[in-house]
Amino acid sequence: RVYRRARRQFSEEEIAEAFAATRGLTMPSQL
C-alpha cells in the first residue's frame, strides 16, 4: 500500500536508491 502511494510522487529509481542506502545503522533505533 505504501509503495503504491509512493509511486505517485517518486520514481522507481528514487525508491530503489532509498532502500539501497537504508539498512541497520541508518534506521533510527526506535524504528
Full PDB file with SEQRES, HELIX, SHEET, SSBOND, CRYST1, ORIGX, SCALE, CONECT and MASTER records, all heavy atoms in Angstrom:
SEQRES   1 A   31  ARG VAL TYR ARG ARG ALA ARG ARG GLN PHE SER GLU GLU          
SEQRES   2 A   31  GLU ILE ALA GLU ALA PHE ALA ALA THR ARG GLY LEU THR          
SEQRES   3 A   31  MET PRO SER GLN LEU                                          
HELIX    1 AA1 VAL A    2  ALA A    6  1                                   5    
HELIX    2 AA2 GLU A   12  ALA A   21  1                                  10    
HELIX    3 AA3 GLY A   24  THR A   26  5                                   3    
CRYST1    1.000    1.000    1.000  90.00  90.00  90.00 P 1           1          
ORIGX1      1.000000  0.000000  0.000000        0.00000                         
ORIGX2      0.000000  1.000000  0.000000        0.00000                         
ORIGX3      0.000000  0.000000  1.000000        0.00000                         
SCALE1      1.000000  0.000000  0.000000        0.00000                         
SCALE2      0.000000  1.000000  0.000000        0.00000                         
SCALE3      0.000000  0.000000  1.000000        0.00000                         
ATOM      1  N   ARG A   1       0.830  -1.208   0.000  1.00  0.00           N  
ATOM      2  CA  ARG A   1       0.000   0.000   0.000  1.00  0.00           C  
ATOM      3  C   ARG A   1       0.867   1.262   0.000  1.00  0.00           C  
ATOM      4  O   ARG A   1       0.609   2.201  -0.761  1.00  0.00           O  
ATOM      5  CB  ARG A   1      -0.904  -0.027   1.226  1.00  0.00           C  
ATOM      6  CG  ARG A   1      -1.879   1.132   1.316  1.00  0.00           C  
ATOM      7  CD  ARG A   1      -2.739   0.972   2.552  1.00  0.00           C  
ATOM      8  NE  ARG A   1      -3.700   2.045   2.723  1.00  0.00           N  
ATOM      9  CZ  ARG A   1      -4.512   2.156   3.777  1.00  0.00           C  
ATOM     10  NH1 ARG A   1      -4.451   1.232   4.749  1.00  0.00           N  
ATOM     11  NH2 ARG A   1      -5.364   3.157   3.867  1.00  0.00           N  
ATOM     12  N   VAL A   2       1.907   1.272   0.839  1.00  0.00           N  
ATOM     13  CA  VAL A   2       2.787   2.439   0.903  1.00  0.00           C  
ATOM     14  C   VAL A   2       3.550   2.599  -0.408  1.00  0.00           C  
ATOM     15  O   VAL A   2       3.710   3.721  -0.916  1.00  0.00           O  
ATOM     16  CB  VAL A   2       3.765   2.310   2.097  1.00  0.00           C  
ATOM     17  CG1 VAL A   2       4.768   3.459   2.093  1.00  0.00           C  
ATOM     18  CG2 VAL A   2       2.997   2.290   3.412  1.00  0.00           C  
ATOM     19  N   TYR A   3       4.013   1.483  -0.973  1.00  0.00           N  
ATOM     20  CA  TYR A   3       4.762   1.548  -2.231  1.00  0.00           C  
ATOM     21  C   TYR A   3       3.889   2.097  -3.355  1.00  0.00           C  
ATOM     22  O   TYR A   3       4.339   2.928  -4.162  1.00  0.00           O  
ATOM     23  CB  TYR A   3       5.282   0.162  -2.600  1.00  0.00           C  
ATOM     24  CG  TYR A   3       6.047   0.133  -3.908  1.00  0.00           C  
ATOM     25  CD1 TYR A   3       7.371   0.561  -3.974  1.00  0.00           C  
ATOM     26  CD2 TYR A   3       5.438  -0.313  -5.079  1.00  0.00           C  
ATOM     27  CE1 TYR A   3       8.075   0.546  -5.168  1.00  0.00           C  
ATOM     28  CE2 TYR A   3       6.131  -0.334  -6.280  1.00  0.00           C  
ATOM     29  CZ  TYR A   3       7.444   0.093  -6.321  1.00  0.00           C  
ATOM     30  OH  TYR A   3       8.132   0.079  -7.507  1.00  0.00           O  
ATOM     31  N   ARG A   4       2.632   1.661  -3.394  1.00  0.00           N  
ATOM     32  CA  ARG A   4       1.725   2.130  -4.437  1.00  0.00           C  
ATOM     33  C   ARG A   4       1.504   3.639  -4.333  1.00  0.00           C  
ATOM     34  O   ARG A   4       1.498   4.355  -5.340  1.00  0.00           O  
ATOM     35  CB  ARG A   4       0.396   1.384  -4.324  1.00  0.00           C  
ATOM     36  CG  ARG A   4      -0.569   1.700  -5.468  1.00  0.00           C  
ATOM     37  CD  ARG A   4      -1.822   0.843  -5.417  1.00  0.00           C  
ATOM     38  NE  ARG A   4      -2.605   1.089  -4.203  1.00  0.00           N  
ATOM     39  CZ  ARG A   4      -2.700   0.247  -3.177  1.00  0.00           C  
ATOM     40  NH1 ARG A   4      -2.044  -0.916  -3.206  1.00  0.00           N  
ATOM     41  NH2 ARG A   4      -3.433   0.544  -2.121  1.00  0.00           N  
ATOM     42  N   ARG A   5       1.338   4.153  -3.093  1.00  0.00           N  
ATOM     43  CA  ARG A   5       1.172   5.601  -2.916  1.00  0.00           C  
ATOM     44  C   ARG A   5       2.469   6.353  -3.215  1.00  0.00           C  
ATOM     45  O   ARG A   5       2.445   7.483  -3.742  1.00  0.00           O  
ATOM     46  CB  ARG A   5       0.711   5.913  -1.491  1.00  0.00           C  
ATOM     47  CG  ARG A   5      -0.546   5.190  -1.036  1.00  0.00           C  
ATOM     48  CD  ARG A   5      -1.735   5.451  -1.913  1.00  0.00           C  
ATOM     49  NE  ARG A   5      -2.119   6.854  -1.956  1.00  0.00           N  
ATOM     50  CZ  ARG A   5      -3.197   7.305  -2.592  1.00  0.00           C  
ATOM     51  NH1 ARG A   5      -3.974   6.448  -3.276  1.00  0.00           N  
ATOM     52  NH2 ARG A   5      -3.499   8.590  -2.586  1.00  0.00           N  
ATOM     53  N   ALA A   6       3.612   5.732  -2.900  1.00  0.00           N  
ATOM     54  CA  ALA A   6       4.904   6.393  -3.146  1.00  0.00           C  
ATOM     55  C   ALA A   6       5.158   6.583  -4.631  1.00  0.00           C  
ATOM     56  O   ALA A   6       5.804   7.569  -5.040  1.00  0.00           O  
ATOM     57  CB  ALA A   6       6.027   5.588  -2.516  1.00  0.00           C  
ATOM     58  N   ARG A   7       4.682   5.656  -5.451  1.00  0.00           N  
ATOM     59  CA  ARG A   7       4.910   5.774  -6.890  1.00  0.00           C  
ATOM     60  C   ARG A   7       4.189   6.981  -7.499  1.00  0.00           C  
ATOM     61  O   ARG A   7       4.496   7.392  -8.606  1.00  0.00           O  
ATOM     62  CB  ARG A   7       4.439   4.486  -7.593  1.00  0.00           C  
ATOM     63  CG  ARG A   7       5.402   3.346  -7.451  1.00  0.00           C  
ATOM     64  CD  ARG A   7       6.696   3.581  -8.245  1.00  0.00           C  
ATOM     65  NE  ARG A   7       6.452   3.560  -9.691  1.00  0.00           N  
ATOM     66  CZ  ARG A   7       6.558   4.594 -10.495  1.00  0.00           C  
ATOM     67  NH1 ARG A   7       6.927   5.767 -10.026  1.00  0.00           N  
ATOM     68  NH2 ARG A   7       6.310   4.476 -11.786  1.00  0.00           N  
ATOM     69  N   ARG A   8       3.250   7.587  -6.744  1.00  0.00           N  
ATOM     70  CA  ARG A   8       2.583   8.786  -7.222  1.00  0.00           C  
ATOM     71  C   ARG A   8       3.491  10.016  -7.123  1.00  0.00           C  
ATOM     72  O   ARG A   8       3.254  11.017  -7.804  1.00  0.00           O  
ATOM     73  CB  ARG A   8       1.308   9.054  -6.412  1.00  0.00           C  
ATOM     74  CG  ARG A   8       0.206   8.027  -6.645  1.00  0.00           C  
ATOM     75  CD  ARG A   8      -0.923   8.223  -5.636  1.00  0.00           C  
ATOM     76  NE  ARG A   8      -2.065   7.391  -5.975  1.00  0.00           N  
ATOM     77  CZ  ARG A   8      -3.168   7.816  -6.590  1.00  0.00           C  
ATOM     78  NH1 ARG A   8      -3.257   9.091  -6.945  1.00  0.00           N  
ATOM     79  NH2 ARG A   8      -4.163   7.006  -6.868  1.00  0.00           N  
ATOM     80  N   GLN A   9       4.511   9.940  -6.254  1.00  0.00           N  
ATOM     81  CA  GLN A   9       5.367  11.107  -6.033  1.00  0.00           C  
ATOM     82  C   GLN A   9       6.840  10.841  -6.314  1.00  0.00           C  
ATOM     83  O   GLN A   9       7.618  11.792  -6.442  1.00  0.00           O  
ATOM     84  CB  GLN A   9       5.222  11.588  -4.578  1.00  0.00           C  
ATOM     85  CG  GLN A   9       3.802  11.972  -4.198  1.00  0.00           C  
ATOM     86  CD  GLN A   9       3.721  12.577  -2.824  1.00  0.00           C  
ATOM     87  OE1 GLN A   9       4.469  13.517  -2.517  1.00  0.00           O  
ATOM     88  NE2 GLN A   9       2.827  12.062  -1.983  1.00  0.00           N  
ATOM     89  N   PHE A  10       7.237   9.556  -6.368  1.00  0.00           N  
ATOM     90  CA  PHE A  10       8.647   9.213  -6.563  1.00  0.00           C  
ATOM     91  C   PHE A  10       8.759   8.170  -7.671  1.00  0.00           C  
ATOM     92  O   PHE A  10       7.883   7.318  -7.853  1.00  0.00           O  
ATOM     93  CB  PHE A  10       9.259   8.664  -5.275  1.00  0.00           C  
ATOM     94  CG  PHE A  10       9.254   9.636  -4.136  1.00  0.00           C  
ATOM     95  CD1 PHE A  10       8.206   9.658  -3.223  1.00  0.00           C  
ATOM     96  CD2 PHE A  10      10.289  10.555  -3.979  1.00  0.00           C  
ATOM     97  CE1 PHE A  10       8.185  10.558  -2.168  1.00  0.00           C  
ATOM     98  CE2 PHE A  10      10.280  11.466  -2.928  1.00  0.00           C  
ATOM     99  CZ  PHE A  10       9.229  11.464  -2.029  1.00  0.00           C  
ATOM    100  N   SER A  11       9.875   8.242  -8.354  1.00  0.00           N  
ATOM    101  CA  SER A  11      10.119   7.273  -9.431  1.00  0.00           C  
ATOM    102  C   SER A  11      10.640   5.958  -8.865  1.00  0.00           C  
ATOM    103  O   SER A  11      11.050   5.875  -7.696  1.00  0.00           O  
ATOM    104  CB  SER A  11      11.136   7.852 -10.421  1.00  0.00           C  
ATOM    105  OG  SER A  11      12.408   7.988  -9.782  1.00  0.00           O  
ATOM    106  N   GLU A  12      10.642   4.925  -9.702  1.00  0.00           N  
ATOM    107  CA  GLU A  12      11.184   3.623  -9.273  1.00  0.00           C  
ATOM    108  C   GLU A  12      12.661   3.745  -8.930  1.00  0.00           C  
ATOM    109  O   GLU A  12      13.151   3.110  -7.990  1.00  0.00           O  
ATOM    110  CB  GLU A  12      10.982   2.588 -10.382  1.00  0.00           C  
ATOM    111  CG  GLU A  12       9.521   2.238 -10.643  1.00  0.00           C  
ATOM    112  CD  GLU A  12       9.357   1.268 -11.790  1.00  0.00           C  
ATOM    113  OE1 GLU A  12      10.363   1.072 -12.536  1.00  0.00           O  
ATOM    114  OE2 GLU A  12       8.260   0.713 -11.968  1.00  0.00           O  
ATOM    115  N   GLU A  13      13.398   4.550  -9.707  1.00  0.00           N  
ATOM    116  CA  GLU A  13      14.819   4.722  -9.442  1.00  0.00           C  
ATOM    117  C   GLU A  13      15.050   5.361  -8.063  1.00  0.00           C  
ATOM    118  O   GLU A  13      15.957   4.969  -7.324  1.00  0.00           O  
ATOM    119  CB  GLU A  13      15.458   5.601 -10.529  1.00  0.00           C  
ATOM    120  CG  GLU A  13      15.507   4.961 -11.914  1.00  0.00           C  
ATOM    121  CD  GLU A  13      14.197   5.078 -12.654  1.00  0.00           C  
ATOM    122  OE1 GLU A  13      13.261   5.735 -12.132  1.00  0.00           O  
ATOM    123  OE2 GLU A  13      14.088   4.527 -13.757  1.00  0.00           O  
ATOM    124  N   GLU A  14      14.227   6.361  -7.706  1.00  0.00           N  
ATOM    125  CA  GLU A  14      14.392   7.036  -6.421  1.00  0.00           C  
ATOM    126  C   GLU A  14      14.088   6.090  -5.255  1.00  0.00           C  
ATOM    127  O   GLU A  14      14.794   6.087  -4.230  1.00  0.00           O  
ATOM    128  CB  GLU A  14      13.486   8.266  -6.356  1.00  0.00           C  
ATOM    129  CG  GLU A  14      13.941   9.390  -7.282  1.00  0.00           C  
ATOM    130  CD  GLU A  14      12.928  10.513  -7.373  1.00  0.00           C  
ATOM    131  OE1 GLU A  14      11.715  10.228  -7.211  1.00  0.00           O  
ATOM    132  OE2 GLU A  14      13.339  11.668  -7.617  1.00  0.00           O  
ATOM    133  N   ILE A  15      13.056   5.290  -5.383  1.00  0.00           N  
ATOM    134  CA  ILE A  15      12.707   4.359  -4.303  1.00  0.00           C  
ATOM    135  C   ILE A  15      13.769   3.268  -4.177  1.00  0.00           C  
ATOM    136  O   ILE A  15      14.156   2.873  -3.075  1.00  0.00           O  
ATOM    137  CB  ILE A  15      11.305   3.753  -4.558  1.00  0.00           C  
ATOM    138  CG1 ILE A  15      10.250   4.861  -4.591  1.00  0.00           C  
ATOM    139  CG2 ILE A  15      10.975   2.727  -3.482  1.00  0.00           C  
ATOM    140  CD1 ILE A  15       8.853   4.384  -4.948  1.00  0.00           C  
ATOM    141  N   ALA A  16      14.247   2.767  -5.311  1.00  0.00           N  
ATOM    142  CA  ALA A  16      15.303   1.741  -5.278  1.00  0.00           C  
ATOM    143  C   ALA A  16      16.567   2.292  -4.630  1.00  0.00           C  
ATOM    144  O   ALA A  16      17.227   1.609  -3.828  1.00  0.00           O  
ATOM    145  CB  ALA A  16      15.592   1.249  -6.699  1.00  0.00           C  
ATOM    146  N   GLU A  17      16.914   3.518  -4.944  1.00  0.00           N  
ATOM    147  CA  GLU A  17      18.093   4.138  -4.325  1.00  0.00           C  
ATOM    148  C   GLU A  17      17.898   4.281  -2.819  1.00  0.00           C  
ATOM    149  O   GLU A  17      18.830   4.073  -2.034  1.00  0.00           O  
ATOM    150  CB  GLU A  17      18.332   5.518  -4.948  1.00  0.00           C  
ATOM    151  CG  GLU A  17      19.510   6.268  -4.325  1.00  0.00           C  
ATOM    152  CD  GLU A  17      19.566   7.715  -4.764  1.00  0.00           C  
ATOM    153  OE1 GLU A  17      18.773   8.115  -5.646  1.00  0.00           O  
ATOM    154  OE2 GLU A  17      20.399   8.468  -4.206  1.00  0.00           O  
ATOM    155  N   ALA A  18      16.671   4.640  -2.407  1.00  0.00           N  
ATOM    156  CA  ALA A  18      16.404   4.831  -0.981  1.00  0.00           C  
ATOM    157  C   ALA A  18      16.636   3.552  -0.194  1.00  0.00           C  
ATOM    158  O   ALA A  18      17.272   3.565   0.872  1.00  0.00           O  
ATOM    159  CB  ALA A  18      14.972   5.324  -0.797  1.00  0.00           C  
ATOM    160  N   PHE A  19      16.171   2.423  -0.702  1.00  0.00           N  
ATOM    161  CA  PHE A  19      16.319   1.167   0.041  1.00  0.00           C  
ATOM    162  C   PHE A  19      17.703   0.556  -0.125  1.00  0.00           C  
ATOM    163  O   PHE A  19      18.122  -0.263   0.687  1.00  0.00           O  
ATOM    164  CB  PHE A  19      15.213   0.183  -0.356  1.00  0.00           C  
ATOM    165  CG  PHE A  19      13.898   0.512   0.285  1.00  0.00           C  
ATOM    166  CD1 PHE A  19      12.965   1.290  -0.376  1.00  0.00           C  
ATOM    167  CD2 PHE A  19      13.618   0.091   1.572  1.00  0.00           C  
ATOM    168  CE1 PHE A  19      11.763   1.619   0.216  1.00  0.00           C  
ATOM    169  CE2 PHE A  19      12.420   0.419   2.182  1.00  0.00           C  
ATOM    170  CZ  PHE A  19      11.482   1.187   1.506  1.00  0.00           C  
ATOM    171  N   ALA A  20      18.424   0.975  -1.146  1.00  0.00           N  
ATOM    172  CA  ALA A  20      19.820   0.558  -1.249  1.00  0.00           C  
ATOM    173  C   ALA A  20      20.680   1.289  -0.217  1.00  0.00           C  
ATOM    174  O   ALA A  20      21.703   0.775   0.237  1.00  0.00           O  
ATOM    175  CB  ALA A  20      20.344   0.829  -2.657  1.00  0.00           C  
ATOM    176  N   ALA A  21      20.247   2.494   0.155  1.00  0.00           N  
ATOM    177  CA  ALA A  21      21.018   3.301   1.106  1.00  0.00           C  
ATOM    178  C   ALA A  21      20.630   3.044   2.552  1.00  0.00           C  
ATOM    179  O   ALA A  21      21.338   3.471   3.462  1.00  0.00           O  
ATOM    180  CB  ALA A  21      20.827   4.789   0.790  1.00  0.00           C  
ATOM    181  N   THR A  22      19.499   2.356   2.776  1.00  0.00           N  
ATOM    182  CA  THR A  22      18.951   2.237   4.130  1.00  0.00           C  
ATOM    183  C   THR A  22      18.987   0.801   4.604  1.00  0.00           C  
ATOM    184  O   THR A  22      18.400  -0.089   3.984  1.00  0.00           O  
ATOM    185  CB  THR A  22      17.495   2.745   4.156  1.00  0.00           C  
ATOM    186  OG1 THR A  22      17.471   4.086   3.676  1.00  0.00           O  
ATOM    187  CG2 THR A  22      16.936   2.699   5.563  1.00  0.00           C  
ATOM    188  N   ARG A  23      19.668   0.599   5.730  1.00  0.00           N  
ATOM    189  CA  ARG A  23      19.662  -0.683   6.420  1.00  0.00           C  
ATOM    190  C   ARG A  23      20.362  -0.482   7.763  1.00  0.00           C  
ATOM    191  O   ARG A  23      21.262   0.335   7.896  1.00  0.00           O  
ATOM    192  CB  ARG A  23      20.389  -1.764   5.615  1.00  0.00           C  
ATOM    193  CG  ARG A  23      21.872  -1.504   5.440  1.00  0.00           C  
ATOM    194  CD  ARG A  23      22.522  -2.540   4.518  1.00  0.00           C  
ATOM    195  NE  ARG A  23      23.976  -2.403   4.496  1.00  0.00           N  
ATOM    196  CZ  ARG A  23      24.648  -1.524   3.791  1.00  0.00           C  
ATOM    197  NH1 ARG A  23      23.977  -0.673   3.031  1.00  0.00           N  
ATOM    198  NH2 ARG A  23      25.966  -1.470   3.833  1.00  0.00           N  
ATOM    199  N   GLY A  24      19.942  -1.232   8.754  1.00  0.00           N  
ATOM    200  CA  GLY A  24      20.632  -1.264  10.046  1.00  0.00           C  
ATOM    201  C   GLY A  24      20.908   0.091  10.646  1.00  0.00           C  
ATOM    202  O   GLY A  24      20.027   0.757  11.199  1.00  0.00           O  
ATOM    203  N   LEU A  25      22.157   0.522  10.539  1.00  0.00           N  
ATOM    204  CA  LEU A  25      22.640   1.738  11.184  1.00  0.00           C  
ATOM    205  C   LEU A  25      21.870   2.971  10.779  1.00  0.00           C  
ATOM    206  O   LEU A  25      21.646   3.871  11.595  1.00  0.00           O  
ATOM    207  CB  LEU A  25      24.127   1.922  10.866  1.00  0.00           C  
ATOM    208  CG  LEU A  25      24.768   3.237  11.310  1.00  0.00           C  
ATOM    209  CD1 LEU A  25      24.809   3.326  12.824  1.00  0.00           C  
ATOM    210  CD2 LEU A  25      26.162   3.364  10.717  1.00  0.00           C  
ATOM    211  N   THR A  26      21.434   3.056   9.524  1.00  0.00           N  
ATOM    212  CA  THR A  26      20.782   4.268   9.034  1.00  0.00           C  
ATOM    213  C   THR A  26      19.332   4.385   9.503  1.00  0.00           C  
ATOM    214  O   THR A  26      18.707   5.414   9.277  1.00  0.00           O  
ATOM    215  CB  THR A  26      20.820   4.316   7.501  1.00  0.00           C  
ATOM    216  OG1 THR A  26      20.131   3.178   6.977  1.00  0.00           O  
ATOM    217  CG2 THR A  26      22.247   4.318   7.004  1.00  0.00           C  
ATOM    218  N   MET A  27      18.794   3.346  10.134  1.00  0.00           N  
ATOM    219  CA  MET A  27      17.441   3.413  10.690  1.00  0.00           C  
ATOM    220  C   MET A  27      17.528   3.857  12.144  1.00  0.00           C  
ATOM    221  O   MET A  27      18.360   3.363  12.898  1.00  0.00           O  
ATOM    222  CB  MET A  27      16.758   2.040  10.631  1.00  0.00           C  
ATOM    223  CG  MET A  27      16.585   1.457   9.265  1.00  0.00           C  
ATOM    224  SD  MET A  27      15.734  -0.132   9.378  1.00  0.00           S  
ATOM    225  CE  MET A  27      16.016  -0.790   7.733  1.00  0.00           C  
ATOM    226  N   PRO A  28      16.669   4.775  12.581  1.00  0.00           N  
ATOM    227  CA  PRO A  28      16.640   5.142  13.999  1.00  0.00           C  
ATOM    228  C   PRO A  28      16.378   3.916  14.869  1.00  0.00           C  
ATOM    229  O   PRO A  28      15.684   2.977  14.458  1.00  0.00           O  
ATOM    230  CB  PRO A  28      15.491   6.158  14.085  1.00  0.00           C  
ATOM    231  CG  PRO A  28      15.390   6.723  12.701  1.00  0.00           C  
ATOM    232  CD  PRO A  28      15.743   5.591  11.773  1.00  0.00           C  
ATOM    233  N   SER A  29      16.933   3.914  16.055  1.00  0.00           N  
ATOM    234  CA  SER A  29      16.832   2.737  16.932  1.00  0.00           C  
ATOM    235  C   SER A  29      15.381   2.396  17.259  1.00  0.00           C  
ATOM    236  O   SER A  29      15.025   1.213  17.367  1.00  0.00           O  
ATOM    237  CB  SER A  29      17.622   2.983  18.221  1.00  0.00           C  
ATOM    238  OG  SER A  29      17.166   4.151  18.884  1.00  0.00           O  
ATOM    239  N   GLN A  30      14.510   3.404  17.438  1.00  0.00           N  
ATOM    240  CA  GLN A  30      13.109   3.120  17.735  1.00  0.00           C  
ATOM    241  C   GLN A  30      12.452   2.385  16.576  1.00  0.00           C  
ATOM    242  O   GLN A  30      11.671   1.446  16.779  1.00  0.00           O  
ATOM    243  CB  GLN A  30      12.345   4.414  18.030  1.00  0.00           C  
ATOM    244  CG  GLN A  30      10.902   4.165  18.451  1.00  0.00           C  
ATOM    245  CD  GLN A  30      10.019   5.389  18.327  1.00  0.00           C  
ATOM    246  OE1 GLN A  30      10.307   6.292  17.535  1.00  0.00           O  
ATOM    247  NE2 GLN A  30       8.944   5.448  19.099  1.00  0.00           N  
ATOM    248  N   LEU A  31      12.757   2.779  15.352  1.00  0.00           N  
ATOM    249  CA  LEU A  31      12.187   2.119  14.186  1.00  0.00           C  
ATOM    250  C   LEU A  31      12.670   0.676  14.100  1.00  0.00           C  
ATOM    251  O   LEU A  31      11.873  -0.247  13.847  1.00  0.00           O  
ATOM    252  CB  LEU A  31      12.556   2.898  12.919  1.00  0.00           C  
ATOM    253  CG  LEU A  31      12.099   2.298  11.581  1.00  0.00           C  
ATOM    254  CD1 LEU A  31      10.597   2.102  11.563  1.00  0.00           C  
ATOM    255  CD2 LEU A  31      12.548   3.188  10.427  1.00  0.00           C  
TER     256      LEU A  31                                                      
MASTER        0    0    0    3    0    0    0    6  255    1    0    3          
END                                                                             
